[in-house]
Amino acid sequence: MGGFDVVAVRDKRLLKEFVEFPYALYRNNPHWVPPLRIAVKELLDRGKHPFYANADAEFFVALRDGQAVGRVAAIIDRNHNRFHGENAGFFGFFESIDDDEVAAALIAKAREWTFERGAQVLRGPVSPSTNYECGTLIDGFDSSPMVMMSYNPAYYPALMERAGLRKAKDLYAYLHHADSIDTAKISRVAERSLRAHDIHIRPISLKNFNADVERVWDVYNSAWMKNWGFVPMTRDEFVLMGKEMKQILKPDLVLLGEKAGRVVGFALALPDVNQALKPAGGRLFPAGLLKILYYQRLIRNVRVLALGVVEEYRATGVAAGFYAALVGNARRLGFGNCEMSWILEDNVLMNRSLLAMGATRYKTYRIYEWN
């Protein structure tokens, strides 16, 4: 196959190679969803994106005869390491041609860079943390990912393993149809629990959106703090993500649970904007924006990203109230397929509950590690 070099991205030309490589790699793949280039560049902007206020990162691209054949980001996430009390390094934004040597060289470079900065384990892919797209798809290649979920060729798992990586944790995605979910029992539990604890569920307020986002931020960081791989989001990160989601969300699918004015839980589901992004090909102009606006009206899939309750109310059945409201609102808004993701493989209660409701586990994502 010929030699290649793995080089750090230090100029605009190499940054362009890094950004553009996936669009060439997936050109003939019908299931990959091209992200908007402007959004990719914003996420990679180490000077402006709030993630990098608490992280260091270096981007690398593998070049053969001047052309990109792979890429990877090496990341030291200080937020993660402080929270978990460990020295971990991460890799993300990984893409490669089907070539063992290229993939191994990229992973080795990420390991070398992070270990030089004190890491004792390399984990990933996270792009750039578990709060964003993460995991390598290991099954379910026959359909496109939903919003904020990743996709990759079927040869990636083998590349990862031959590069020295081993499984750290699997993440599951479930699929169900809103009209097929039997909510009778859930609704009874929900009504009884909400009444007993005097908790009111309401949609997020677009008029007071920023204030609601701030209140949800506290719940997010407390409700998920004991989950494997959780990374607390800074206020600036959370506010930026809320601002980005505001462009596509439906208020009736973003729910806050309040008790005496205090937010004690929330649920977040988003229309699958990937259905509108795919026809745009990653560009807003000249016609991408018009395509997005046109196809956005036709979106019928929805992804449940988060459903969390603060610990003191977790065993009360309040979560059922959120779920019943989400399903009812999704039906009313005309949504059909509903993805619940991602769920940790060892979250026994949630996995059992979803299977009991008739949901199908249809995609598995894997986080790898290398000591």
Protein backbone atom coordinates (compact mmCIF):
# COMPACT_ATOMS: atom_id res chain seq x y z
CA MET A 1 0.00 0.00 0.00
CA GLY A 2 3.00 2.33 0.28
CA GLY A 3 4.34 4.42 3.13
CA PHE A 4 2.55 7.14 5.03
CA ASP A 5 3.26 9.74 7.69
CA VAL A 6 1.23 10.71 10.76
CA VAL A 7 1.56 14.44 11.30
CA ALA A 8 0.11 16.95 13.73
CA VAL A 9 -2.41 19.44 12.37
CA ARG A 10 -0.57 22.75 12.58
CA ASP A 11 -1.89 24.76 9.66
CA LYS A 12 -5.08 25.44 7.70
CA ARG A 13 -4.20 23.01 4.93
CA LEU A 14 -3.85 20.08 7.32
CA LEU A 15 -6.97 21.14 9.23
CA LYS A 16 -8.85 21.02 5.94
CA GLU A 17 -7.49 17.49 5.32
CA PHE A 18 -8.62 16.49 8.83
CA VAL A 19 -12.12 17.92 8.34
CA GLU A 20 -12.65 16.70 4.79
CA PHE A 21 -11.36 13.13 5.10
CA PRO A 22 -14.65 11.52 6.28
CA TYR A 23 -16.60 13.04 3.37
CA ALA A 24 -14.27 11.20 0.97
CA LEU A 25 -14.15 7.99 3.04
CA TYR A 26 -17.95 7.65 3.22
CA ARG A 27 -18.77 9.04 -0.21
CA ASN A 28 -20.47 5.82 -1.35
CA ASN A 29 -21.89 4.75 2.02
CA PRO A 30 -25.69 5.17 2.02
CA HIS A 31 -25.99 5.14 5.82
CA TRP A 32 -23.41 7.76 6.85
CA VAL A 33 -24.85 11.19 7.66
CA PRO A 34 -22.52 14.04 6.64
CA PRO A 35 -22.29 16.53 9.51
CA LEU A 36 -22.36 20.21 8.65
CA ARG A 37 -18.79 21.30 8.06
CA ILE A 38 -19.37 24.52 9.99
CA ALA A 39 -20.43 22.50 13.05
CA VAL A 40 -17.37 20.23 12.76
CA LYS A 41 -15.02 23.21 12.61
CA GLU A 42 -16.66 24.79 15.65
CA LEU A 43 -16.24 21.58 17.67
CA LEU A 44 -12.57 21.37 16.67
CA ASP A 45 -11.83 25.02 17.53
CA ARG A 46 -9.51 24.71 20.53
CA GLY A 47 -9.45 28.47 20.96
CA LYS A 48 -13.21 29.01 21.16
CA HIS A 49 -15.13 25.83 22.00
CA PRO A 50 -15.72 25.67 25.79
CA PHE A 51 -14.76 21.97 26.02
CA TYR A 52 -11.09 22.89 25.56
CA ALA A 53 -11.11 25.28 28.53
CA ASN A 54 -10.63 22.12 30.61
CA ALA A 55 -8.89 19.89 28.09
CA ASP A 56 -5.83 19.66 25.90
CA ALA A 57 -5.98 18.10 22.45
CA GLU A 58 -3.83 17.49 19.41
CA PHE A 59 -5.17 16.49 16.01
CA PHE A 60 -3.24 14.12 13.74
CA VAL A 61 -3.73 13.15 10.12
CA ALA A 62 -2.16 10.22 8.26
CA LEU A 63 -0.93 11.26 4.83
CA ARG A 64 0.06 9.03 1.91
CA ASP A 65 1.43 10.85 -1.12
CA GLY A 66 -0.03 14.07 0.28
CA GLN A 67 -3.54 12.63 0.63
CA ALA A 68 -5.29 11.88 3.92
CA VAL A 69 -5.84 8.18 4.66
CA GLY A 70 -6.78 8.55 8.33
CA ARG A 71 -7.14 10.92 11.26
CA VAL A 72 -7.37 10.94 15.07
CA ALA A 73 -7.52 13.38 17.98
CA ALA A 74 -5.54 12.81 21.19
CA ILE A 75 -7.25 14.30 24.24
CA ILE A 76 -6.47 14.93 27.89
CA ASP A 77 -9.81 15.76 29.55
CA ARG A 78 -8.97 17.38 32.88
CA ASN A 79 -12.65 17.50 33.85
CA HIS A 80 -12.88 13.72 33.52
CA ASN A 81 -9.65 13.07 35.37
CA ARG A 82 -10.52 15.36 38.27
CA PHE A 83 -13.99 13.86 38.60
CA HIS A 84 -12.88 10.22 38.43
CA GLY A 85 -9.53 10.62 40.19
CA GLU A 86 -7.58 8.95 37.41
CA ASN A 87 -5.05 9.78 34.72
CA ALA A 88 -6.79 8.82 31.50
CA GLY A 89 -6.11 9.85 27.95
CA PHE A 90 -8.67 9.71 25.18
CA PHE A 91 -8.81 9.43 21.42
CA GLY A 92 -11.60 10.63 19.19
CA PHE A 93 -12.63 11.78 15.71
CA PHE A 94 -11.04 8.53 14.50
CA GLU A 95 -11.40 7.65 10.83
CA SER A 96 -9.25 5.36 8.70
CA ILE A 97 -9.13 3.49 5.45
CA ASP A 98 -9.24 -0.30 5.83
CA ASP A 99 -5.53 -0.60 6.58
CA ASP A 100 -4.14 -2.14 9.76
CA GLU A 101 -0.91 -0.16 9.63
CA VAL A 102 -2.63 3.20 9.25
CA ALA A 103 -5.11 2.55 12.04
CA ALA A 104 -2.44 1.18 14.40
CA ALA A 105 -0.17 4.16 13.75
CA LEU A 106 -2.99 6.63 14.51
CA ILE A 107 -3.97 4.88 17.76
CA ALA A 108 -0.30 4.57 18.78
CA LYS A 109 0.21 8.28 18.15
CA ALA A 110 -2.77 9.15 20.35
CA ARG A 111 -1.46 6.84 23.08
CA GLU A 112 2.05 8.30 22.83
CA TRP A 113 0.80 11.90 23.01
CA THR A 114 -1.50 11.30 25.98
CA PHE A 115 0.99 9.12 27.89
CA GLU A 116 3.65 11.81 27.49
CA ARG A 117 1.23 14.05 29.40
CA GLY A 118 0.67 11.67 32.29
CA ALA A 119 -2.05 9.33 31.03
CA GLN A 120 -1.95 5.73 32.22
CA VAL A 121 -4.76 4.42 30.01
CA LEU A 122 -6.09 5.37 26.56
CA ARG A 123 -9.83 5.23 26.03
CA GLY A 124 -12.17 6.01 23.15
CA PRO A 125 -13.45 6.89 20.72
CA VAL A 126 -15.02 9.97 22.29
CA SER A 127 -15.38 13.05 20.12
CA PRO A 128 -14.34 14.81 22.27
CA SER A 129 -16.06 13.33 25.38
CA THR A 130 -18.98 11.06 26.29
CA ASN A 131 -21.20 14.16 26.22
CA TYR A 132 -20.81 14.22 22.44
CA GLU A 133 -20.68 11.47 19.82
CA CYS A 134 -18.84 8.47 21.17
CA GLY A 135 -18.26 4.76 20.67
CA THR A 136 -17.43 2.56 17.69
CA LEU A 137 -20.44 0.94 16.06
CA ILE A 138 -19.95 -2.85 16.27
CA ASP A 139 -23.38 -3.99 15.05
CA GLY A 140 -26.35 -2.38 13.32
CA PHE A 141 -24.55 -1.13 10.22
CA ASP A 142 -27.64 -1.44 8.01
CA SER A 143 -29.28 1.83 9.03
CA SER A 144 -28.27 5.44 9.54
CA PRO A 145 -27.52 6.78 13.02
CA MET A 146 -29.93 9.13 14.73
CA VAL A 147 -29.05 12.64 15.88
CA MET A 148 -25.78 12.85 17.88
CA MET A 149 -24.99 9.16 17.39
CA SER A 150 -21.98 7.91 15.45
CA TYR A 151 -21.55 5.66 12.44
CA ASN A 152 -18.52 3.87 11.02
CA PRO A 153 -17.62 1.12 8.54
CA ALA A 154 -18.00 -2.50 9.63
CA TYR A 155 -14.23 -3.01 9.46
CA TYR A 156 -13.51 -0.58 12.34
CA PRO A 157 -13.88 -3.05 15.26
CA ALA A 158 -11.24 -5.35 13.75
CA LEU A 159 -8.92 -2.38 13.14
CA MET A 160 -9.30 -1.32 16.77
CA GLU A 161 -8.53 -4.77 18.14
CA ARG A 162 -5.54 -5.35 15.88
CA ALA A 163 -4.23 -1.92 16.96
CA GLY A 164 -4.06 -3.19 20.56
CA LEU A 165 -7.35 -1.88 21.92
CA ARG A 166 -9.69 -3.97 24.07
CA LYS A 167 -13.31 -3.55 25.10
CA ALA A 168 -13.94 -1.20 28.02
CA LYS A 169 -17.73 -0.88 27.83
CA ASP A 170 -20.59 -1.43 25.40
CA LEU A 171 -23.39 1.07 24.87
CA TYR A 172 -26.80 -0.01 23.58
CA ALA A 173 -29.35 1.73 21.37
CA TYR A 174 -32.97 0.54 21.42
CA LEU A 175 -35.69 1.14 18.87
CA HIS A 176 -39.44 1.18 19.39
CA HIS A 177 -42.41 2.75 17.63
CA ALA A 178 -44.33 5.34 19.62
CA ASP A 179 -47.68 3.82 18.64
CA SER A 180 -46.61 0.34 19.79
CA ILE A 181 -45.66 1.28 23.34
CA ASP A 182 -48.24 0.20 25.90
CA THR A 183 -48.30 3.10 28.32
CA ALA A 184 -51.32 2.07 30.39
CA LYS A 185 -49.32 0.65 33.30
CA ILE A 186 -46.64 3.33 33.05
CA SER A 187 -49.28 6.05 33.09
CA ARG A 188 -50.90 4.65 36.23
CA VAL A 189 -47.55 4.48 38.04
CA ALA A 190 -46.66 7.95 36.79
CA GLU A 191 -49.89 9.59 37.88
CA ARG A 192 -49.73 8.03 41.34
CA SER A 193 -46.07 8.95 41.87
CA LEU A 194 -46.32 12.53 40.62
CA ARG A 195 -49.36 13.16 42.80
CA ALA A 196 -47.79 11.60 45.89
CA HIS A 197 -44.65 13.72 45.60
CA ASP A 198 -46.35 16.87 44.30
CA ILE A 199 -44.16 17.01 41.19
CA HIS A 200 -45.35 18.86 38.11
CA ILE A 201 -43.98 18.07 34.63
CA ARG A 202 -43.91 20.84 32.05
CA PRO A 203 -42.30 21.55 28.66
CA ILE A 204 -39.18 23.70 28.51
CA SER A 205 -40.01 27.38 28.07
CA LEU A 206 -38.73 28.96 24.87
CA LYS A 207 -39.48 32.38 26.38
CA ASN A 208 -37.30 31.64 29.42
CA PHE A 209 -35.07 29.17 27.63
CA ASN A 210 -31.72 30.24 29.05
CA ALA A 211 -33.01 30.18 32.62
CA ASP A 212 -34.46 26.69 32.13
CA VAL A 213 -31.19 25.43 30.61
CA GLU A 214 -29.29 26.70 33.66
CA ARG A 215 -31.65 24.85 36.00
CA VAL A 216 -31.40 21.63 34.00
CA TRP A 217 -27.58 21.85 34.09
CA ASP A 218 -27.54 21.26 37.84
CA VAL A 219 -29.80 18.22 37.51
CA TYR A 220 -27.75 16.79 34.64
CA ASN A 221 -24.50 16.87 36.57
CA SER A 222 -26.07 15.32 39.67
CA ALA A 223 -28.37 12.75 38.05
CA TRP A 224 -25.63 11.08 36.00
CA MET A 225 -22.65 11.55 38.33
CA LYS A 226 -22.42 7.86 39.30
CA ASN A 227 -22.58 6.54 35.72
CA TRP A 228 -19.53 4.92 34.16
CA GLY A 229 -17.67 7.34 31.92
CA PHE A 230 -19.72 10.37 32.98
CA VAL A 231 -18.01 13.72 32.51
CA PRO A 232 -19.59 16.76 34.19
CA MET A 233 -20.28 19.53 31.72
CA THR A 234 -19.21 23.06 32.51
CA ARG A 235 -21.85 25.76 32.48
CA ASP A 236 -20.46 27.21 29.24
CA GLU A 237 -20.49 23.80 27.53
CA PHE A 238 -24.04 23.07 28.62
CA VAL A 239 -25.33 26.50 27.59
CA LEU A 240 -23.71 26.17 24.15
CA MET A 241 -25.21 22.70 23.65
CA GLY A 242 -28.61 24.05 24.69
CA LYS A 243 -28.29 26.89 22.21
CA GLU A 244 -27.49 24.42 19.42
CA MET A 245 -30.36 22.10 20.36
CA LYS A 246 -32.83 25.00 20.50
CA GLN A 247 -32.73 25.19 16.70
CA ILE A 248 -34.25 21.71 16.32
CA LEU A 249 -36.04 20.82 19.57
CA LYS A 250 -39.77 20.52 20.15
CA PRO A 251 -40.66 21.99 23.58
CA ASP A 252 -43.09 19.14 24.32
CA LEU A 253 -40.17 16.70 24.05
CA VAL A 254 -37.94 18.54 26.51
CA LEU A 255 -39.57 18.16 29.91
CA LEU A 256 -38.76 19.53 33.35
CA GLY A 257 -40.07 18.04 36.58
CA GLU A 258 -40.56 20.63 39.33
CA LYS A 259 -41.33 20.40 43.03
CA ALA A 260 -41.99 23.70 44.79
CA GLY A 261 -40.09 25.52 42.04
CA ARG A 262 -37.06 23.22 42.15
CA VAL A 263 -36.17 21.11 39.10
CA VAL A 264 -35.79 17.50 40.29
CA GLY A 265 -35.59 15.77 36.92
CA PHE A 266 -35.75 16.24 33.19
CA ALA A 267 -36.19 14.33 29.96
CA LEU A 268 -34.75 15.22 26.57
CA ALA A 269 -35.79 13.86 23.20
CA LEU A 270 -34.85 15.40 19.86
CA PRO A 271 -36.31 15.02 16.38
CA ASP A 272 -33.86 13.04 14.27
CA VAL A 273 -32.43 15.97 12.35
CA ASN A 274 -30.05 13.53 10.63
CA GLN A 275 -32.93 12.77 8.27
CA ALA A 276 -32.71 16.38 7.09
CA LEU A 277 -28.91 16.68 7.23
CA LYS A 278 -28.17 13.74 4.93
CA PRO A 279 -29.49 15.41 1.72
CA ALA A 280 -27.46 18.58 2.46
CA GLY A 281 -24.15 16.73 2.12
CA GLY A 282 -22.49 18.70 4.92
CA ARG A 283 -22.92 22.13 3.36
CA LEU A 284 -25.34 24.94 4.17
CA PHE A 285 -24.73 26.74 0.89
CA PRO A 286 -25.70 27.11 -1.84
CA ALA A 287 -28.64 24.71 -1.50
CA GLY A 288 -27.97 22.80 1.73
CA LEU A 289 -30.00 25.08 3.96
CA LEU A 290 -33.03 24.83 1.67
CA LYS A 291 -32.75 21.03 1.69
CA ILE A 292 -32.52 20.96 5.49
CA LEU A 293 -35.57 23.20 5.85
CA TYR A 294 -37.51 21.07 3.39
CA TYR A 295 -36.63 17.68 4.88
CA GLN A 296 -36.95 18.90 8.46
CA ARG A 297 -40.72 19.03 7.95
CA LEU A 298 -40.70 15.33 7.04
CA ILE A 299 -38.85 14.05 10.14
CA ARG A 300 -40.77 11.26 11.83
CA ASN A 301 -38.06 9.71 13.99
CA VAL A 302 -37.09 10.87 17.46
CA ARG A 303 -34.24 10.02 19.82
CA VAL A 304 -34.52 10.02 23.62
CA LEU A 305 -31.11 11.28 24.74
CA ALA A 306 -31.61 11.67 28.46
CA LEU A 307 -34.04 10.96 31.25
CA GLY A 308 -32.73 11.70 34.71
CA VAL A 309 -34.00 12.31 38.22
CA VAL A 310 -32.03 13.58 41.22
CA GLU A 311 -31.09 10.78 43.60
CA GLU A 312 -33.60 11.52 46.36
CA TYR A 313 -36.54 10.93 43.96
CA ARG A 314 -35.00 8.17 41.84
CA ALA A 315 -36.81 5.27 43.52
CA THR A 316 -40.23 6.97 43.60
CA GLY A 317 -41.47 6.16 40.09
CA VAL A 318 -41.18 9.79 38.98
CA ALA A 319 -39.17 8.67 35.93
CA ALA A 320 -42.32 6.93 34.70
CA GLY A 321 -44.01 10.32 34.62
CA PHE A 322 -41.42 11.64 32.20
CA TYR A 323 -41.59 8.56 30.03
CA ALA A 324 -45.39 8.58 29.82
CA ALA A 325 -45.39 12.28 28.93
CA LEU A 326 -42.68 11.84 26.28
CA VAL A 327 -44.47 8.96 24.59
CA GLY A 328 -47.83 10.75 24.65
CA ASN A 329 -46.35 13.95 23.25
CA ALA A 330 -44.37 12.09 20.56
CA ARG A 331 -47.56 10.39 19.38
CA ARG A 332 -49.46 13.68 19.32
CA LEU A 333 -46.69 15.35 17.31
CA GLY A 334 -46.75 12.55 14.74
CA PHE A 335 -43.42 10.86 15.52
CA GLY A 336 -43.03 7.14 14.88
CA ASN A 337 -39.72 5.37 15.42
CA CYS A 338 -38.22 6.22 18.78
CA GLU A 339 -34.60 5.46 19.67
CA MET A 340 -33.55 5.26 23.32
CA SER A 341 -29.80 5.68 23.52
CA TRP A 342 -27.32 5.18 24.74
CA ILE A 343 -27.73 2.71 27.62
CA LEU A 344 -24.74 1.20 29.43
CA GLU A 345 -24.58 -2.57 28.98
CA ASP A 346 -24.55 -3.07 32.78
CA ASN A 347 -27.50 -0.77 33.49
CA VAL A 348 -29.58 -3.86 34.26
CA LEU A 349 -32.75 -2.08 35.33
CA MET A 350 -32.98 0.14 32.26
CA ASN A 351 -32.12 -2.66 29.82
CA ARG A 352 -34.73 -4.96 31.35
CA SER A 353 -37.35 -2.22 31.35
CA LEU A 354 -36.85 -1.38 27.68
CA LEU A 355 -36.98 -5.03 26.63
CA ALA A 356 -40.10 -5.56 28.75
CA MET A 357 -41.78 -2.68 26.89
CA GLY A 358 -41.08 -4.40 23.60
CA ALA A 359 -38.14 -2.26 22.46
CA THR A 360 -35.52 -3.89 20.23
CA ARG A 361 -31.80 -3.51 20.82
CA TYR A 362 -30.69 -2.65 17.31
CA LYS A 363 -27.26 -1.04 17.60
CA THR A 364 -24.24 -1.58 19.85
CA TYR A 365 -21.41 0.88 20.31
CA ARG A 366 -18.10 0.05 21.99
CA ILE A 367 -15.68 2.15 24.01
CA TYR A 368 -12.18 0.67 23.81
CA GLU A 369 -9.13 1.08 26.02
CA TRP A 370 -5.40 0.40 25.98
CA ASN A 371 -3.34 0.31 29.18
